[in-house]
Amino acid sequence: MNGPDDSLPPEVRKAFGTLTCAGDLPPAPGLQLRGEAGSVAEGTHVRFQLRVVEGRISEARFRAYGCPYTLATCNWLAGRLPGLTLAQLAAESPQQWSGVLGVPVDRLTRLLTIEDALRAAAAQAQSEQGLGR
């Protein structure tokens, strides 16, 4: 018998199946950034929390409301952000994420919401500490 997520691409199914980066950042040293975008009423709401230490993302967590593609992309991104600078974060695009994960074109607006949340976190760093320039 097939499960409800059998139609998802393998990378999405893998990221959606674990959601290891969901939740809030625990207290720890470093600059903690937060960025949100979207709304539940629109069908997608994303919040990222990033910890920055010595100019690099040391930890990332997310909370999201949305489809499996949204949750999987958030989890996949949060897992690969540690080690990046905020400038490196800005260099990637939802189209790249879609290509890696196999997210269908009709779900690209969900990925744009994710991008907006990450940009909001980076903007907080720029306004508060001058990071990411």
Protein backbone atom coordinates (compact mmCIF):
# COMPACT_ATOMS: atom_id res chain seq x y z
CA MET A 1 0.00 0.00 0.00
CA ASN A 2 1.29 3.45 -0.88
CA GLY A 3 1.74 6.15 1.75
CA PRO A 4 0.43 9.70 1.39
CA ASP A 5 3.86 11.07 0.46
CA ASP A 6 4.78 8.47 -2.18
CA SER A 7 4.21 11.01 -4.94
CA LEU A 8 6.83 13.39 -3.51
CA PRO A 9 10.32 13.47 -5.07
CA PRO A 10 12.89 11.43 -3.09
CA GLU A 11 14.80 14.45 -1.72
CA VAL A 12 11.56 16.08 -0.54
CA ARG A 13 10.35 12.83 0.99
CA LYS A 14 13.69 12.43 2.83
CA ALA A 15 13.70 16.01 4.23
CA PHE A 16 9.99 15.95 5.05
CA GLY A 17 10.29 12.60 6.80
CA THR A 18 12.73 13.81 9.45
CA LEU A 19 12.25 17.57 10.02
CA THR A 20 15.33 17.49 12.26
CA CYS A 21 15.74 21.29 12.15
CA ALA A 22 12.18 22.19 13.14
CA GLY A 23 11.68 24.12 16.35
CA ASP A 24 13.36 27.00 18.14
CA LEU A 25 17.03 27.69 18.75
CA PRO A 26 18.18 26.80 22.25
CA PRO A 27 19.90 29.52 24.28
CA ALA A 28 23.59 29.84 23.38
CA PRO A 29 26.17 32.55 22.68
CA GLY A 30 26.03 34.37 19.37
CA LEU A 31 23.80 36.79 17.51
CA GLN A 32 20.32 35.32 17.12
CA LEU A 33 18.41 36.46 14.04
CA ARG A 34 14.78 35.90 13.18
CA GLY A 35 12.96 36.34 9.89
CA GLU A 36 9.33 35.63 9.03
CA ALA A 37 7.25 35.74 5.87
CA GLY A 38 3.84 34.70 4.62
CA SER A 39 0.72 33.92 6.62
CA VAL A 40 -1.40 30.96 7.57
CA ALA A 41 -4.32 32.59 5.74
CA GLU A 42 -2.22 32.58 2.53
CA GLY A 43 -1.33 28.92 3.05
CA THR A 44 2.37 29.39 3.86
CA HIS A 45 4.02 30.93 6.90
CA VAL A 46 7.74 30.51 7.58
CA ARG A 47 9.94 31.65 10.45
CA PHE A 48 13.69 31.07 10.49
CA GLN A 49 15.97 31.55 13.46
CA LEU A 50 19.68 31.79 12.73
CA ARG A 51 22.55 31.96 15.17
CA VAL A 52 25.60 33.82 13.85
CA VAL A 53 29.00 33.41 15.48
CA GLU A 54 32.11 35.15 14.10
CA GLY A 55 30.26 36.14 10.93
CA ARG A 56 28.99 32.66 10.05
CA ILE A 57 25.72 30.87 10.63
CA SER A 58 26.39 28.34 13.37
CA GLU A 59 22.86 26.98 13.73
CA ALA A 60 19.49 27.31 11.99
CA ARG A 61 15.97 26.32 12.98
CA PHE A 62 12.57 26.89 11.45
CA ARG A 63 8.87 26.79 12.15
CA ALA A 64 6.54 26.62 9.20
CA TYR A 65 2.96 26.14 8.16
CA GLY A 66 2.53 24.84 4.64
CA CYS A 67 2.63 21.91 2.29
CA PRO A 68 5.21 19.09 2.45
CA TYR A 69 7.34 20.94 -0.13
CA THR A 70 7.50 23.98 2.16
CA LEU A 71 8.43 21.98 5.26
CA ALA A 72 10.95 19.82 3.40
CA THR A 73 12.65 22.84 1.83
CA CYS A 74 12.86 24.65 5.19
CA ASN A 75 14.35 21.56 6.84
CA TRP A 76 16.83 20.97 4.00
CA LEU A 77 17.94 24.61 4.06
CA ALA A 78 18.26 24.80 7.85
CA GLY A 79 20.45 21.70 7.75
CA ARG A 80 22.85 23.15 5.22
CA LEU A 81 23.07 26.78 6.39
CA PRO A 82 25.62 26.25 9.21
CA GLY A 83 29.02 27.42 8.03
CA LEU A 84 27.68 29.93 5.52
CA THR A 85 28.00 33.68 5.79
CA LEU A 86 24.90 35.80 5.33
CA ALA A 87 26.29 36.93 1.97
CA GLN A 88 26.54 33.31 0.84
CA LEU A 89 22.98 32.76 1.98
CA ALA A 90 21.78 35.59 -0.26
CA ALA A 91 23.58 34.10 -3.28
CA GLU A 92 21.21 31.14 -3.55
CA SER A 93 17.77 31.17 -5.10
CA PRO A 94 14.46 29.32 -4.84
CA GLN A 95 14.99 28.11 -8.41
CA GLN A 96 18.21 26.38 -7.30
CA TRP A 97 16.48 24.82 -4.30
CA SER A 98 13.64 23.65 -6.53
CA GLY A 99 16.11 22.00 -8.90
CA VAL A 100 17.91 20.13 -6.12
CA LEU A 101 14.78 18.98 -4.32
CA GLY A 102 12.52 18.44 -7.34
CA VAL A 103 9.89 20.93 -6.20
CA PRO A 104 7.30 21.44 -8.97
CA VAL A 105 7.04 24.86 -10.62
CA ASP A 106 3.51 25.35 -9.27
CA ARG A 107 5.00 25.33 -5.73
CA LEU A 108 7.66 27.97 -6.45
CA THR A 109 5.64 30.67 -4.67
CA ARG A 110 6.09 28.62 -1.46
CA LEU A 111 9.85 28.75 -1.94
CA LEU A 112 9.69 32.50 -2.51
CA THR A 113 8.08 32.82 0.93
CA ILE A 114 10.97 30.83 2.39
CA GLU A 115 13.42 33.15 0.64
CA ASP A 116 11.61 36.18 2.07
CA ALA A 117 11.94 34.78 5.61
CA LEU A 118 15.66 34.18 5.17
CA ARG A 119 16.13 37.67 3.71
CA ALA A 120 14.28 39.15 6.68
CA ALA A 121 16.72 37.43 9.06
CA ALA A 122 19.70 38.72 7.06
CA ALA A 123 18.21 42.24 7.03
CA GLN A 124 17.95 42.11 10.82
CA ALA A 125 21.68 41.38 11.01
CA GLN A 126 22.50 44.28 8.71
CA SER A 127 20.40 46.72 10.68
CA GLU A 128 21.58 45.57 14.13
CA GLN A 129 25.21 44.65 13.65
CA GLY A 130 26.26 45.56 10.12
CA LEU A 131 26.80 41.86 9.27
CA GLY A 132 26.42 40.35 5.82
CA ARG A 133 27.77 43.35 3.94
